[in-house]
N, C-alpha and C. Protein backbone atom coordinates (compact mmCIF):
# COMPACT_ATOMS: atom_id res chain seq x y z
N LEU A 1 46.77 26.38 36.94
CA LEU A 1 48.30 26.16 37.31
C LEU A 1 48.93 26.73 38.41
N PRO A 2 49.56 26.73 39.15
CA PRO A 2 50.45 27.53 40.37
C PRO A 2 51.02 28.74 39.81
N SER A 3 50.78 29.76 40.39
CA SER A 3 51.21 31.37 39.76
C SER A 3 52.25 31.46 40.60
N THR A 4 52.94 30.84 41.63
CA THR A 4 54.42 31.08 41.58
C THR A 4 55.24 29.95 41.35
N ARG A 5 56.48 29.92 41.56
CA ARG A 5 57.20 28.94 40.86
C ARG A 5 58.01 28.18 42.56
N THR A 6 58.12 27.15 42.20
CA THR A 6 58.63 26.33 43.38
C THR A 6 59.91 26.39 42.75
N ARG A 7 60.74 25.87 44.06
CA ARG A 7 62.13 25.47 44.10
C ARG A 7 62.66 24.19 44.59
N PRO A 8 63.18 23.47 44.02
CA PRO A 8 63.57 22.14 44.56
C PRO A 8 63.77 22.02 45.94
N LEU A 9 63.57 20.78 46.40
CA LEU A 9 63.49 20.73 48.16
C LEU A 9 65.49 20.43 48.25
N GLU A 10 66.00 21.18 49.04
CA GLU A 10 67.41 20.96 49.10
C GLU A 10 67.44 20.50 50.55
N LEU A 11 68.33 19.24 50.10
CA LEU A 11 68.40 17.95 51.75
C LEU A 11 69.69 18.07 51.85
N VAL A 12 69.80 17.90 53.06
CA VAL A 12 71.16 18.08 53.63
C VAL A 12 71.37 16.36 53.75
N PRO A 13 73.18 16.31 52.82
CA PRO A 13 73.33 14.84 52.93
C PRO A 13 73.22 13.69 54.25
N ARG A 14 73.41 12.83 54.19
CA ARG A 14 72.58 11.92 55.62
C ARG A 14 71.98 12.34 56.41
N ILE A 15 71.01 13.20 55.91
CA ILE A 15 69.92 13.89 57.06
C ILE A 15 68.45 13.78 56.20
N ALA A 16 67.87 13.25 57.12
CA ALA A 16 66.18 12.91 56.88
C ALA A 16 65.34 14.24 56.98
N PRO A 17 64.66 14.70 56.11
CA PRO A 17 64.05 15.45 56.28
C PRO A 17 62.77 15.47 57.21
N ALA A 18 62.35 16.22 58.39
CA ALA A 18 61.15 15.83 59.10
C ALA A 18 60.41 15.31 58.79
N PHE A 19 59.59 15.70 57.55
CA PHE A 19 58.33 15.40 56.79
C PHE A 19 58.61 13.99 56.75
N LEU A 20 59.76 13.54 56.53
CA LEU A 20 59.75 12.36 55.16
C LEU A 20 59.18 10.89 56.45
N ARG A 21 59.70 10.95 57.40
CA ARG A 21 59.02 10.02 58.33
C ARG A 21 57.68 9.99 58.38
N HIS A 22 57.00 11.11 58.78
CA HIS A 22 55.44 11.40 58.60
C HIS A 22 54.89 10.45 57.54
N GLN A 23 55.64 10.83 56.13
CA GLN A 23 55.00 10.30 54.81
C GLN A 23 55.19 8.69 55.19
N ARG A 24 56.37 8.49 55.28
CA ARG A 24 56.64 7.14 55.34
C ARG A 24 55.54 6.15 56.46
N GLU A 25 55.13 6.77 57.49
CA GLU A 25 54.35 6.16 58.88
C GLU A 25 52.94 6.20 57.94
N THR A 26 52.56 7.31 57.18
CA THR A 26 51.34 7.00 56.81
C THR A 26 51.15 6.48 55.45
N ALA A 27 52.07 6.16 55.15
CA ALA A 27 52.01 5.27 53.84
C ALA A 27 51.96 4.12 53.87
N THR A 28 52.89 3.43 55.23
CA THR A 28 52.54 2.12 55.44
C THR A 28 51.11 2.01 56.30
N LEU A 29 50.88 2.50 56.95
CA LEU A 29 49.66 2.55 57.70
C LEU A 29 48.31 2.81 56.64
N LEU A 30 48.77 3.33 55.36
CA LEU A 30 47.27 3.37 54.72
C LEU A 30 47.32 2.15 53.83
N VAL A 31 48.46 1.67 53.55
CA VAL A 31 48.79 0.43 52.68
C VAL A 31 47.78 -0.54 53.65
N ARG A 32 48.28 -0.72 54.66
CA ARG A 32 47.79 -1.65 55.73
C ARG A 32 46.28 -1.94 56.08
N LEU A 33 45.92 -0.74 55.75
CA LEU A 33 44.25 -0.56 56.14
C LEU A 33 43.74 -0.62 54.97
N ALA A 34 44.07 -0.73 53.68
CA ALA A 34 43.86 -0.58 52.72
C ALA A 34 43.77 -2.24 52.36
N ALA A 35 44.85 -3.10 52.66
CA ALA A 35 44.42 -4.54 52.58
C ALA A 35 43.82 -4.86 53.68
N ALA A 36 43.89 -4.39 54.99
CA ALA A 36 42.51 -5.09 55.79
C ALA A 36 41.31 -4.93 55.60
N HIS A 37 41.24 -3.60 55.22
CA HIS A 37 39.75 -3.86 54.51
C HIS A 37 39.15 -3.62 53.18
N GLU A 38 40.03 -4.26 52.28
CA GLU A 38 39.88 -4.53 50.83
C GLU A 38 39.02 -3.36 50.16
N ALA A 39 40.13 -2.09 50.06
CA ALA A 39 39.78 -0.80 49.85
C ALA A 39 39.78 -0.88 48.28
N LEU A 40 38.77 0.00 48.19
CA LEU A 40 38.32 0.41 46.58
C LEU A 40 39.24 1.10 45.77
N TRP A 41 39.89 2.43 46.62
CA TRP A 41 40.61 3.08 46.26
C TRP A 41 41.42 3.56 47.70
N TYR A 42 42.43 4.32 47.46
CA TYR A 42 43.09 4.94 48.22
C TYR A 42 44.41 5.38 47.74
N SER A 43 44.82 6.71 48.80
CA SER A 43 45.81 7.87 48.06
C SER A 43 46.08 8.65 49.51
N ALA A 44 47.63 9.06 49.23
CA ALA A 44 47.99 9.99 50.41
C ALA A 44 48.50 11.08 49.85
N TRP A 45 47.77 11.50 48.72
CA TRP A 45 48.41 12.73 48.17
C TRP A 45 48.57 13.98 48.69
N ASP A 46 49.26 15.14 48.80
CA ASP A 46 49.53 16.08 49.56
C ASP A 46 48.70 17.22 49.22
N ARG A 47 47.57 17.45 49.97
CA ARG A 47 46.42 18.24 49.89
C ARG A 47 45.93 17.89 49.14
N PRO A 48 45.26 16.66 49.59
CA PRO A 48 44.08 16.42 48.45
C PRO A 48 42.34 16.52 48.01
N LEU A 49 42.17 17.82 49.10
CA LEU A 49 40.95 18.03 48.32
C LEU A 49 41.12 19.96 48.08
N PRO A 50 40.00 19.94 47.03
CA PRO A 50 40.52 21.50 46.56
C PRO A 50 39.95 22.32 48.10
N GLN A 51 40.39 23.69 47.49
CA GLN A 51 40.68 24.66 48.31
C GLN A 51 39.73 25.84 47.60
N THR A 52 40.28 25.77 46.71
CA THR A 52 39.53 27.17 45.97
C THR A 52 38.49 27.48 45.67
N SER A 53 37.45 26.33 45.42
CA SER A 53 36.20 26.72 44.94
C SER A 53 35.28 26.22 46.23
N ALA A 54 35.87 25.66 46.93
CA ALA A 54 34.92 25.46 48.42
C ALA A 54 34.57 26.60 49.31
N PRO A 55 33.16 26.47 49.57
CA PRO A 55 32.61 27.89 50.53
C PRO A 55 33.17 27.73 52.05
N ALA A 56 33.90 26.61 52.46
CA ALA A 56 34.28 26.40 53.35
C ALA A 56 35.75 25.66 53.53
N GLN A 57 36.67 25.89 54.26
CA GLN A 57 37.94 25.55 54.44
C GLN A 57 37.57 23.68 54.73
N LEU A 58 38.10 22.94 53.35
CA LEU A 58 37.84 21.76 53.48
C LEU A 58 39.34 21.22 54.53
N PRO A 59 38.86 19.95 55.16
CA PRO A 59 40.59 19.37 55.98
C PRO A 59 41.58 18.72 54.72
N GLN A 60 42.59 18.89 55.04
CA GLN A 60 43.25 17.96 54.34
C GLN A 60 43.89 16.79 55.02
N PRO A 61 43.68 15.77 54.89
CA PRO A 61 43.52 14.64 55.36
C PRO A 61 45.04 13.89 54.91
N ASP A 62 45.87 13.22 55.83
CA ASP A 62 46.92 12.39 55.52
C ASP A 62 47.06 11.29 54.45
N GLY A 63 45.56 10.65 54.47
CA GLY A 63 45.03 9.87 53.56
C GLY A 63 43.80 9.64 53.31
N VAL A 64 42.96 9.34 52.22
CA VAL A 64 42.04 9.03 52.07
C VAL A 64 41.91 7.49 51.37
N LEU A 65 40.37 7.05 51.83
CA LEU A 65 40.57 5.42 51.25
C LEU A 65 38.84 5.63 50.81
N VAL A 66 38.44 4.69 50.06
CA VAL A 66 37.22 4.42 49.71
C VAL A 66 37.17 2.83 49.93
N LEU A 67 36.49 2.53 51.07
CA LEU A 67 36.21 1.36 51.62
C LEU A 67 34.86 0.57 51.30
N PRO A 68 34.35 -0.70 51.05
CA PRO A 68 33.47 -0.98 50.34
C PRO A 68 32.44 -1.36 51.87
N SER A 69 31.37 -1.37 52.20
CA SER A 69 30.33 -1.80 52.85
C SER A 69 28.94 -2.05 52.11
N ALA A 70 28.20 -2.89 53.18
CA ALA A 70 26.79 -3.25 52.82
C ALA A 70 25.76 -2.39 52.29
N SER A 71 26.00 -0.92 52.53
CA SER A 71 25.27 -0.14 51.87
C SER A 71 26.01 0.84 50.83
N GLY A 72 27.17 0.57 50.45
CA GLY A 72 28.03 0.93 49.04
C GLY A 72 29.38 1.62 50.10
N PRO A 73 29.89 2.41 48.90
CA PRO A 73 31.41 2.50 49.40
C PRO A 73 31.01 3.73 50.06
N GLU A 74 32.30 3.67 51.33
CA GLU A 74 32.10 4.91 51.88
C GLU A 74 33.97 5.68 51.88
N LEU A 75 33.51 6.73 52.18
CA LEU A 75 34.55 7.71 52.20
C LEU A 75 35.20 7.82 53.80
N VAL A 76 36.83 7.04 53.81
CA VAL A 76 37.28 7.52 54.86
C VAL A 76 38.52 8.23 54.78
N PHE A 77 38.72 8.99 56.20
CA PHE A 77 39.73 10.02 56.11
C PHE A 77 40.86 9.51 57.15
N LEU A 78 41.86 9.73 56.58
CA LEU A 78 43.02 9.40 57.70
C LEU A 78 43.94 10.30 57.99
N GLU A 79 44.16 10.65 59.73
CA GLU A 79 44.92 11.53 60.39
C GLU A 79 46.01 10.61 60.72
N GLN A 80 46.93 10.93 60.46
CA GLN A 80 48.14 9.97 61.02
C GLN A 80 49.05 11.24 61.97
N ASP A 81 48.60 11.03 63.13
CA ASP A 81 49.53 12.01 64.17
C ASP A 81 50.49 11.56 65.40
N ARG A 82 51.45 11.99 64.56
CA ARG A 82 52.96 11.79 65.43
C ARG A 82 53.25 12.26 66.96
N GLY A 83 52.11 12.65 67.57
CA GLY A 83 52.38 13.30 68.66
C GLY A 83 53.19 14.54 68.82
N MET A 84 53.02 15.48 67.49
CA MET A 84 53.95 16.51 67.24
C MET A 84 53.23 17.62 67.27
N GLU A 85 52.12 17.52 67.39
CA GLU A 85 50.91 18.74 67.98
C GLU A 85 49.94 18.44 68.81
N SER A 86 49.70 19.70 69.43
CA SER A 86 48.86 19.51 70.83
C SER A 86 47.38 19.10 70.27
N PRO A 87 46.91 18.43 71.29
CA PRO A 87 45.49 17.86 71.15
C PRO A 87 44.62 19.31 71.00
N ALA A 88 45.22 20.71 71.42
CA ALA A 88 44.35 21.71 70.91
C ALA A 88 44.51 22.22 69.69
N HIS A 89 45.64 21.75 68.75
CA HIS A 89 46.06 22.38 67.77
C HIS A 89 45.54 21.51 66.61
N PHE A 90 45.29 19.93 67.09
CA PHE A 90 44.49 19.50 66.30
C PHE A 90 43.12 19.77 66.27
N ALA A 91 42.50 19.99 67.59
CA ALA A 91 41.26 20.74 67.40
C ALA A 91 41.33 22.20 66.91
N ARG A 92 41.46 22.73 66.68
CA ARG A 92 41.28 23.85 65.95
C ARG A 92 41.75 23.93 64.67
N ALA A 93 42.96 23.30 64.32
CA ALA A 93 43.26 22.87 62.87
C ALA A 93 42.82 21.88 61.81
N LYS A 94 42.10 21.08 62.44
CA LYS A 94 41.62 19.83 61.83
C LYS A 94 40.26 19.69 62.18
N ALA A 95 40.29 19.05 63.56
CA ALA A 95 38.85 18.70 63.67
C ALA A 95 37.72 19.79 63.76
N ALA A 96 38.08 21.37 63.83
CA ALA A 96 36.74 22.27 63.25
C ALA A 96 36.76 22.18 61.55
N ARG A 97 37.29 21.68 60.95
CA ARG A 97 37.22 21.45 59.36
C ARG A 97 36.57 20.05 58.90
N TYR A 98 36.64 19.32 59.91
CA TYR A 98 35.84 17.96 59.61
C TYR A 98 34.50 17.64 60.90
N ALA A 99 34.35 18.70 61.53
CA ALA A 99 33.37 19.04 62.11
C ALA A 99 32.61 19.94 61.25
N GLU A 100 32.72 21.24 60.40
CA GLU A 100 32.34 21.94 59.60
C GLU A 100 31.66 20.77 58.44
N LEU A 101 32.42 20.01 58.11
CA LEU A 101 32.45 19.15 56.36
C LEU A 101 31.17 17.92 56.88
N ALA A 102 31.21 17.77 58.06
CA ALA A 102 30.12 16.39 58.73
C ALA A 102 28.71 17.07 58.64
N VAL A 103 28.22 18.28 58.98
CA VAL A 103 27.13 18.62 59.56
C VAL A 103 26.53 19.62 58.13
N ARG A 104 27.34 19.03 57.07
CA ARG A 104 26.97 19.83 55.71
C ARG A 104 27.33 18.78 54.39
N PRO A 105 26.05 17.60 54.27
CA PRO A 105 26.35 16.76 53.79
C PRO A 105 26.04 16.89 52.23
N GLU A 106 25.32 17.86 51.98
CA GLU A 106 25.52 18.29 50.70
C GLU A 106 27.01 19.09 50.44
N LEU A 107 27.63 19.61 50.97
CA LEU A 107 28.81 20.10 50.74
C LEU A 107 29.78 18.86 50.45
N CYS A 108 29.89 17.72 51.38
CA CYS A 108 30.54 16.59 51.23
C CYS A 108 30.08 16.11 49.54
N GLN A 109 28.59 15.87 49.41
CA GLN A 109 28.46 15.35 47.97
C GLN A 109 28.95 16.07 46.60
N ARG A 110 29.01 17.59 46.82
CA ARG A 110 29.48 18.21 46.27
C ARG A 110 30.70 18.35 45.59
N PHE A 111 31.78 18.40 46.58
CA PHE A 111 32.89 18.04 46.66
C PHE A 111 33.80 16.96 46.68
N LEU A 112 33.12 15.88 47.39
CA LEU A 112 33.78 14.97 47.22
C LEU A 112 33.19 13.45 46.71
N GLY A 113 31.69 13.67 46.43
CA GLY A 113 31.07 12.71 46.10
C GLY A 113 30.72 11.86 46.95
N PHE A 114 30.67 11.87 48.20
CA PHE A 114 29.73 11.46 49.24
C PHE A 114 29.29 12.08 50.48
N PRO A 115 27.76 11.44 50.70
CA PRO A 115 27.06 12.87 51.79
C PRO A 115 28.21 12.24 52.97
N THR A 116 28.72 11.35 53.19
CA THR A 116 29.24 11.10 54.48
C THR A 116 30.12 10.72 54.20
N PHE A 117 31.10 10.87 55.37
CA PHE A 117 32.62 10.11 55.67
C PHE A 117 32.81 9.34 57.55
N ARG A 118 34.34 8.79 57.10
CA ARG A 118 34.65 8.49 58.61
C ARG A 118 35.77 9.39 58.45
N LEU A 119 36.53 9.20 59.87
CA LEU A 119 37.41 9.90 59.94
C LEU A 119 38.21 9.11 60.82
N ALA A 120 39.42 8.73 60.30
CA ALA A 120 40.36 7.39 61.06
C ALA A 120 41.46 8.33 61.84
N VAL A 121 41.75 8.02 63.14
CA VAL A 121 42.77 9.01 63.38
C VAL A 121 43.97 8.16 64.46
N GLN A 122 45.31 8.01 63.80
CA GLN A 122 46.20 7.13 64.55
C GLN A 122 47.16 7.91 65.09
N THR A 123 47.22 7.84 66.54
CA THR A 123 48.06 8.34 67.12
C THR A 123 49.27 7.65 67.89
N LYS A 124 49.94 8.57 68.13
CA LYS A 124 51.43 7.54 69.12
C LYS A 124 51.11 7.24 70.53
N THR A 125 49.94 7.83 71.09
CA THR A 125 49.50 7.76 72.46
C THR A 125 48.85 6.21 72.55
N PRO A 126 48.24 6.09 73.98
CA PRO A 126 47.88 4.36 74.21
C PRO A 126 46.58 4.38 73.57
N ALA A 127 45.82 5.56 73.42
CA ALA A 127 44.71 5.32 72.05
C ALA A 127 45.01 5.26 71.01
N SER A 128 45.27 4.03 70.88
CA SER A 128 45.83 3.86 69.22
C SER A 128 45.24 4.43 68.26
N THR A 129 44.08 3.82 68.13
CA THR A 129 43.64 4.09 66.57
C THR A 129 41.85 4.91 66.78
N ALA A 130 41.37 5.56 66.41
CA ALA A 130 40.10 5.93 66.74
C ALA A 130 39.24 6.23 65.24
N ILE A 131 37.87 5.82 65.18
CA ILE A 131 37.36 5.83 63.97
C ILE A 131 36.16 6.16 63.91
N LEU A 132 35.75 7.77 63.61
CA LEU A 132 34.77 8.65 64.13
C LEU A 132 34.11 9.06 62.93
N SER A 133 32.59 8.86 62.78
CA SER A 133 31.67 8.71 61.95
C SER A 133 31.43 10.31 61.52
N SER A 134 30.97 10.60 60.49
CA SER A 134 30.33 12.02 60.36
C SER A 134 29.40 12.48 61.01
N ASP A 135 28.67 11.54 61.91
CA ASP A 135 27.92 11.74 63.00
C ASP A 135 28.45 11.88 63.95
N SER A 136 29.76 11.80 64.57
CA SER A 136 30.73 11.66 66.12
C SER A 136 30.60 13.25 66.50
N ASP A 137 31.16 13.41 67.46
CA ASP A 137 30.99 14.43 68.12
C ASP A 137 32.51 15.35 67.75
N PHE A 138 32.56 16.13 66.81
CA PHE A 138 34.25 16.66 66.41
C PHE A 138 34.13 17.91 67.18
N SER A 139 33.82 17.78 68.16
CA SER A 139 33.89 19.33 69.07
C SER A 139 35.20 19.48 69.56
N PRO A 140 35.79 20.54 69.56
CA PRO A 140 37.01 20.57 70.10
C PRO A 140 37.70 19.89 71.53
N ASP A 141 36.63 19.85 71.99
CA ASP A 141 36.69 19.31 73.36
C ASP A 141 36.77 17.79 73.33
N SER A 142 36.30 17.33 72.42
CA SER A 142 36.29 15.93 72.37
C SER A 142 37.93 15.17 71.78
N PHE A 143 38.47 16.27 71.38
CA PHE A 143 40.00 16.07 71.20
C PHE A 143 40.88 16.55 72.12
N ALA A 144 40.14 16.79 73.52
CA ALA A 144 41.37 17.79 74.41
C ALA A 144 42.02 16.39 75.48
């Protein structure tokens, strides 16, 4: 259980909080991807992966899907980027965590139940969506 108390979110009348647009866009994208790929399971939980018991800092994707494939179910993480953070920040804060997970299939299996994963990155840039598998180049230079 959390050791600190949380406070209710204070909302200003007629002003949507900044995070709400991201959540709405992520949920819409996740539902569309799930329908298009006949997902077995999907979720957009806030901070869906464990942090306390993992030996490395795990990424916290915006969405998680389990998709059917010829070789069995596969894990896909979704990152929905609205262009609010720099590519350098994405590489440092997110890509590095995916990179570490990608080279440690035993960690993936232990904490996620899958030895590998794919990463879908949706951006507001001209290169709309990229899908990277766990054997892709997750180096910070590939996101610059």
